[in-house]
Protein backbone atom coordinates (compact mmCIF):
# COMPACT_ATOMS: atom_id res chain seq x y z
CA UNK A 1 -1.95 4.29 -100.33
CA UNK A 2 -0.92 5.68 -96.97
CA UNK A 3 -4.56 5.74 -95.82
CA UNK A 4 -5.02 2.10 -96.87
CA UNK A 5 -1.87 1.06 -95.00
CA UNK A 6 -3.01 2.93 -91.89
CA UNK A 7 -6.41 1.23 -92.01
CA UNK A 8 -4.82 -2.20 -92.39
CA UNK A 9 -2.52 -1.53 -89.42
CA UNK A 10 -5.44 -0.29 -87.31
CA UNK A 11 -7.47 -3.38 -88.13
CA UNK A 12 -4.53 -5.63 -87.28
CA UNK A 13 -4.04 -3.90 -83.94
CA UNK A 14 -7.72 -4.27 -83.16
CA UNK A 15 -7.65 -7.99 -83.92
CA UNK A 16 -4.54 -8.38 -81.78
CA UNK A 17 -6.21 -6.61 -78.87
CA UNK A 18 -9.31 -8.75 -79.17
CA UNK A 19 -7.24 -11.89 -79.34
CA UNK A 20 -5.28 -10.95 -76.23
CA UNK A 21 -8.25 -9.73 -74.17
CA UNK A 22 -8.77 -11.75 -71.02
CA UNK A 23 -12.12 -13.34 -70.27
CA UNK A 24 -13.89 -12.22 -67.14
CA UNK A 25 -13.37 -14.41 -64.06
CA UNK A 26 -16.97 -13.62 -63.07
CA UNK A 27 -20.19 -15.34 -64.06
CA UNK A 28 -23.84 -15.48 -63.03
CA UNK A 29 -25.67 -18.70 -62.21
CA UNK A 30 -29.26 -19.47 -61.28
CA UNK A 31 -28.69 -21.49 -58.11
CA UNK A 32 -32.46 -21.96 -57.68
CA UNK A 33 -35.52 -20.37 -59.32
CA UNK A 34 -35.45 -17.81 -56.47
CA UNK A 35 -31.70 -17.19 -56.17
CA UNK A 36 -29.03 -15.79 -58.52
CA UNK A 37 -25.35 -16.39 -57.70
CA UNK A 38 -22.28 -14.40 -58.67
CA UNK A 39 -19.21 -16.60 -59.16
CA UNK A 40 -15.52 -15.77 -59.42
CA UNK A 41 -13.34 -18.43 -61.04
CA UNK A 42 -16.20 -20.88 -60.61
CA UNK A 43 -16.53 -20.28 -56.85
CA UNK A 44 -19.53 -18.50 -55.28
CA UNK A 45 -19.11 -14.91 -54.10
CA UNK A 46 -22.68 -14.14 -53.06
CA UNK A 47 -26.28 -15.08 -53.72
CA UNK A 48 -29.01 -12.53 -54.42
CA UNK A 49 -32.45 -13.77 -53.35
CA UNK A 50 -34.98 -12.29 -55.74
CA UNK A 51 -37.75 -14.79 -55.07
CA UNK A 52 -39.94 -14.98 -51.98
CA UNK A 53 -37.89 -17.12 -49.59
CA UNK A 54 -39.16 -19.17 -46.64
CA UNK A 55 -37.25 -21.76 -44.64
CA UNK A 56 -38.96 -25.07 -43.93
CA UNK A 57 -40.57 -25.04 -40.51
CA UNK A 58 -40.74 -21.23 -40.27
CA UNK A 59 -44.06 -19.35 -40.18
CA UNK A 60 -45.38 -18.03 -43.48
CA UNK A 61 -45.33 -14.45 -42.15
CA UNK A 62 -41.51 -14.45 -42.40
CA UNK A 63 -41.42 -15.08 -46.16
CA UNK A 64 -39.25 -12.38 -47.78
CA UNK A 65 -37.24 -11.28 -50.80
CA UNK A 66 -34.51 -8.89 -51.98
CA UNK A 67 -31.43 -9.62 -49.85
CA UNK A 68 -27.99 -11.27 -50.02
CA UNK A 69 -27.38 -14.73 -48.59
CA UNK A 70 -25.07 -16.56 -48.53
CA UNK A 71 -22.20 -14.09 -48.63
CA UNK A 72 -18.78 -15.77 -48.84
CA UNK A 73 -15.24 -14.95 -47.74
CA UNK A 74 -12.57 -15.46 -50.45
CA UNK A 75 -11.74 -18.95 -49.11
CA UNK A 76 -15.38 -20.03 -49.41
CA UNK A 77 -16.36 -19.52 -45.76
CA UNK A 78 -20.07 -18.69 -45.41
CA UNK A 79 -20.32 -15.43 -43.45
CA UNK A 80 -24.06 -14.81 -43.27
CA UNK A 81 -27.09 -16.46 -41.71
CA UNK A 82 -30.76 -16.62 -42.69
CA UNK A 83 -33.81 -17.32 -40.50
CA UNK A 84 -31.77 -17.61 -37.26
CA UNK A 85 -33.95 -18.97 -34.45
CA UNK A 86 -33.38 -15.97 -32.19
CA UNK A 87 -34.52 -13.49 -34.89
CA UNK A 88 -36.36 -15.23 -37.75
CA UNK A 89 -36.66 -11.93 -39.63
CA UNK A 90 -32.86 -11.44 -39.84
CA UNK A 91 -31.67 -12.18 -43.36
CA UNK A 92 -28.06 -12.12 -44.56
CA UNK A 93 -27.18 -8.66 -45.85
CA UNK A 94 -30.39 -6.64 -46.03
CA UNK A 95 -31.68 -3.06 -46.10
CA UNK A 96 -34.94 -2.38 -44.30
CA UNK A 97 -36.62 -0.16 -41.72
CA UNK A 98 -38.85 -1.03 -38.76
CA UNK A 99 -41.02 2.10 -38.96
CA UNK A 100 -42.41 2.82 -42.43
CA UNK A 101 -45.51 5.02 -42.65
CA UNK A 102 -47.58 5.05 -45.84
CA UNK A 103 -51.07 6.55 -46.27
CA UNK A 104 -51.41 6.92 -42.51
CA UNK A 105 -50.55 3.30 -41.67
CA UNK A 106 -47.25 2.16 -40.13
CA UNK A 107 -45.55 -1.02 -41.36
CA UNK A 108 -42.42 -2.93 -40.35
CA UNK A 109 -40.34 -3.82 -43.42
CA UNK A 110 -37.51 -4.86 -41.07
CA UNK A 111 -39.63 -7.61 -39.47
CA UNK A 112 -41.46 -8.38 -42.76
CA UNK A 113 -44.83 -7.16 -41.48
CA UNK A 114 -47.42 -5.24 -43.51
CA UNK A 115 -45.11 -3.99 -46.30
CA UNK A 116 -42.82 -6.27 -48.30
CA UNK A 117 -39.89 -5.85 -50.68
CA UNK A 118 -40.46 -7.70 -53.95
CA UNK A 119 -38.47 -8.17 -57.15
CA UNK A 120 -39.58 -6.21 -60.23
CA UNK A 121 -36.88 -6.66 -62.89
CA UNK A 122 -33.18 -7.05 -63.63
CA UNK A 123 -31.50 -3.79 -64.62
CA UNK A 124 -27.93 -5.00 -65.23
CA UNK A 125 -26.15 -8.36 -65.14
CA UNK A 126 -22.73 -7.74 -66.67
CA UNK A 127 -19.14 -8.87 -66.24
CA UNK A 128 -15.72 -7.49 -67.12
CA UNK A 129 -12.16 -8.53 -66.39
CA UNK A 130 -12.14 -6.45 -63.20
CA UNK A 131 -15.72 -6.62 -61.96
CA UNK A 132 -19.22 -8.03 -62.00
CA UNK A 133 -22.22 -5.71 -61.80
CA UNK A 134 -25.67 -6.74 -60.68
CA UNK A 135 -28.46 -4.14 -60.61
CA UNK A 136 -32.02 -4.93 -59.60
CA UNK A 137 -35.26 -2.98 -59.41
CA UNK A 138 -37.53 -3.90 -56.52
CA UNK A 139 -40.63 -2.41 -54.97
CA UNK A 140 -42.01 -2.00 -51.48
CA UNK A 141 -45.57 -3.29 -51.66
CA UNK A 142 -48.64 -3.19 -49.45
CA UNK A 143 -50.65 -5.90 -51.11
CA UNK A 144 -50.46 -4.97 -54.81
CA UNK A 145 -49.87 -1.27 -54.15
CA UNK A 146 -46.26 -0.20 -54.72
CA UNK A 147 -45.23 2.50 -52.30
CA UNK A 148 -41.48 2.74 -52.96
CA UNK A 149 -39.31 2.00 -56.00
CA UNK A 150 -36.01 0.46 -54.87
CA UNK A 151 -32.86 -0.06 -56.94
CA UNK A 152 -29.96 -2.17 -55.70
CA UNK A 153 -26.59 -2.03 -57.49
CA UNK A 154 -23.76 -4.38 -56.53
CA UNK A 155 -20.24 -4.10 -57.93
CA UNK A 156 -18.07 -7.10 -57.06
CA UNK A 157 -14.30 -6.72 -57.39
CA UNK A 158 -11.80 -9.59 -57.75
CA UNK A 159 -10.39 -11.16 -54.62
CA UNK A 160 -6.79 -10.21 -53.83
CA UNK A 161 -4.67 -11.20 -50.83
CA UNK A 162 -7.63 -13.00 -49.22
CA UNK A 163 -9.83 -9.89 -49.41
CA UNK A 164 -12.64 -8.82 -51.70
CA UNK A 165 -14.48 -5.49 -52.01
CA UNK A 166 -18.18 -5.27 -52.84
CA UNK A 167 -19.68 -1.82 -53.44
CA UNK A 168 -23.38 -1.40 -52.67
CA UNK A 169 -25.58 1.45 -53.92
CA UNK A 170 -29.19 1.62 -52.71
CA UNK A 171 -31.79 4.02 -54.15
CA UNK A 172 -35.25 4.53 -52.69
CA UNK A 173 -37.98 6.77 -54.11
CA UNK A 174 -41.65 7.15 -53.20
CA UNK A 175 -43.84 6.22 -56.16
CA UNK A 176 -46.78 8.61 -55.87
CA UNK A 177 -47.34 9.38 -52.17
CA UNK A 178 -44.80 10.33 -49.47
CA UNK A 179 -43.38 7.52 -47.33
CA UNK A 180 -41.82 8.16 -43.91
CA UNK A 181 -38.90 6.11 -42.54
CA UNK A 182 -37.45 5.87 -39.05
CA UNK A 183 -35.30 3.57 -36.96
CA UNK A 184 -36.57 1.56 -33.99
CA UNK A 185 -37.63 3.60 -30.97
CA UNK A 186 -34.86 4.13 -28.38
CA UNK A 187 -32.31 1.92 -30.21
CA UNK A 188 -32.42 3.55 -33.65
CA UNK A 189 -31.64 0.47 -35.72
CA UNK A 190 -32.81 0.33 -39.33
CA UNK A 191 -31.02 0.66 -42.67
CA UNK A 192 -28.21 -1.54 -44.02
CA UNK A 193 -27.20 -4.48 -41.84
CA UNK A 194 -25.70 -7.98 -41.84
CA UNK A 195 -26.56 -11.05 -39.77
CA UNK A 196 -23.56 -13.33 -39.38
CA UNK A 197 -23.47 -17.11 -39.48
CA UNK A 198 -22.86 -19.17 -36.30
CA UNK A 199 -19.26 -18.72 -35.11
CA UNK A 200 -16.90 -18.68 -32.14
CA UNK A 201 -14.29 -16.21 -30.84
CA UNK A 202 -16.21 -13.22 -32.15
CA UNK A 203 -14.54 -9.82 -32.17
CA UNK A 204 -15.99 -6.48 -33.29
CA UNK A 205 -13.79 -3.55 -34.30
CA UNK A 206 -14.54 -0.01 -35.40
CA UNK A 207 -12.49 3.08 -36.17
CA UNK A 208 -12.36 3.54 -32.37
CA UNK A 209 -10.74 0.14 -31.78
CA UNK A 210 -11.98 -3.12 -30.25
CA UNK A 211 -15.62 -2.97 -29.11
CA UNK A 212 -16.04 -5.04 -25.95
CA UNK A 213 -19.75 -4.30 -25.48
CA UNK A 214 -22.86 -4.11 -27.64
CA UNK A 215 -23.93 -0.58 -28.48
CA UNK A 216 -26.59 1.51 -30.21
CA UNK A 217 -26.21 4.73 -32.18
CA UNK A 218 -22.52 5.32 -31.38
CA UNK A 219 -21.07 7.05 -34.49
CA UNK A 220 -18.35 5.31 -36.51
CA UNK A 221 -17.10 5.47 -40.09
CA UNK A 222 -16.85 1.65 -40.27
CA UNK A 223 -17.41 -1.52 -38.28
CA UNK A 224 -16.25 -5.11 -38.81
CA UNK A 225 -16.82 -8.51 -37.27
CA UNK A 226 -14.15 -11.22 -37.30
CA UNK A 227 -14.65 -14.72 -35.92
CA UNK A 228 -14.01 -18.43 -36.45
CA UNK A 229 -16.63 -19.90 -38.78
CA UNK A 230 -16.62 -23.71 -38.91
CA UNK A 231 -12.92 -23.77 -38.00
CA UNK A 232 -11.84 -20.97 -40.37
CA UNK A 233 -11.00 -17.41 -39.39
CA UNK A 234 -12.84 -14.83 -41.52
CA UNK A 235 -14.82 -11.64 -41.31
CA UNK A 236 -16.52 -8.68 -42.95
CA UNK A 237 -16.27 -4.89 -42.71
CA UNK A 238 -19.00 -2.36 -43.56
CA UNK A 239 -17.84 1.15 -44.50
CA UNK A 240 -20.32 4.01 -44.54
CA UNK A 241 -19.71 6.30 -47.51
CA UNK A 242 -18.92 9.86 -46.29
CA UNK A 243 -21.21 11.19 -49.04
CA UNK A 244 -24.25 9.51 -47.49
CA UNK A 245 -26.88 11.86 -46.05
CA UNK A 246 -26.73 12.85 -42.40
CA UNK A 247 -24.51 15.08 -40.32
CA UNK A 248 -21.25 13.29 -39.60
CA UNK A 249 -20.64 9.54 -39.15
CA UNK A 250 -23.67 7.30 -38.89
CA UNK A 251 -24.65 5.57 -35.63
CA UNK A 252 -24.32 1.78 -35.51
CA UNK A 253 -26.07 -1.26 -34.12
CA UNK A 254 -23.28 -3.56 -32.85
CA UNK A 255 -24.20 -6.99 -31.49
CA UNK A 256 -21.76 -9.71 -30.46
CA UNK A 257 -24.41 -12.36 -31.13
CA UNK A 258 -23.65 -11.59 -34.77
CA UNK A 259 -25.16 -8.40 -36.15
CA UNK A 260 -23.78 -5.13 -37.56
CA UNK A 261 -25.88 -2.34 -39.01
CA UNK A 262 -25.29 1.22 -40.17
CA UNK A 263 -28.35 3.04 -38.81
CA UNK A 264 -29.92 5.75 -40.95
CA UNK A 265 -31.81 7.92 -40.10
CA UNK A 266 -31.55 6.41 -36.63
CA UNK A 267 -33.82 8.07 -34.07
CA UNK A 268 -34.89 10.73 -36.57
CA UNK A 269 -37.55 10.48 -39.27
CA UNK A 270 -37.13 11.21 -42.96
CA UNK A 271 -39.66 11.40 -45.78
CA UNK A 272 -39.27 9.81 -49.20
CA UNK A 273 -40.96 11.88 -51.87
CA UNK A 274 -41.67 11.24 -55.57
CA UNK A 275 -38.85 12.57 -57.72
CA UNK A 276 -36.42 12.87 -54.78
CA UNK A 277 -34.59 9.56 -54.32
CA UNK A 278 -32.66 8.67 -51.19
CA UNK A 279 -29.25 7.21 -52.15
CA UNK A 280 -27.11 5.24 -49.70
CA UNK A 281 -23.66 3.81 -50.48
CA UNK A 282 -21.60 1.24 -48.61
CA UNK A 283 -18.44 -0.78 -49.20
CA UNK A 284 -18.23 -4.34 -47.92
CA UNK A 285 -14.83 -5.98 -47.46
CA UNK A 286 -14.92 -9.73 -46.90
CA UNK A 287 -11.68 -11.36 -45.75
CA UNK A 288 -10.26 -14.69 -44.71
CA UNK A 289 -7.11 -15.78 -42.89
CA UNK A 290 -5.99 -18.23 -45.60
């Protein structure tokens, strides 16, 4: 009798918990056949471009995939740009390297030349009351030959006080032959970076304070750009995870024309090998003034 009563009470508590559980504020939506959006409370947070994207009027050689654009501030301000006329290869929030050597040939994934990132499959598209998770498997291809297996995992947190955190985990592993990566000669750029939308009154800050000038390979733990986008004040910070590989803080590419990038491995060269993935983690914080 006591066991039966306990079971009834447990079942009642379970039903009560299910009835009181809150639905997730997040949802996924196919904005186009090439683009998947994450929404919070019906408003777009970001778009993941899994198809091969090309802007009308731009040369075919700039067609690309596997990046975030648009990326939105909590008030709906669009923070990122795609196919800007001064650098057609810049693309929202992206992760790519300008010097990639495979089977003795050097390619430029950064500038979308020779080797290309392409979508393979969805790994996770899930929502909860406190997050949305999108995980994607991509490949780096030379023609039909896959050189690198890439996994992108995004965890989007709810907006609070006009700020939202997005955690990014990137995994790269050579498929069957070693692949060498390096940043651009002299400047070191290559890795995780963001191209910002047109704006005015641009300011760049780091852990060292306000950055008045552009710079290359100066180490920082974070960098952010704040500006006025179409009349609204907003911005974005990139934080380099201290557990990322490398000795000490990463060097950065800081550009007041609208670009921030955490450079790894910078002016050095690293080798991706089968069975030994490279893992890079970053936190994005998007914010708005209203």
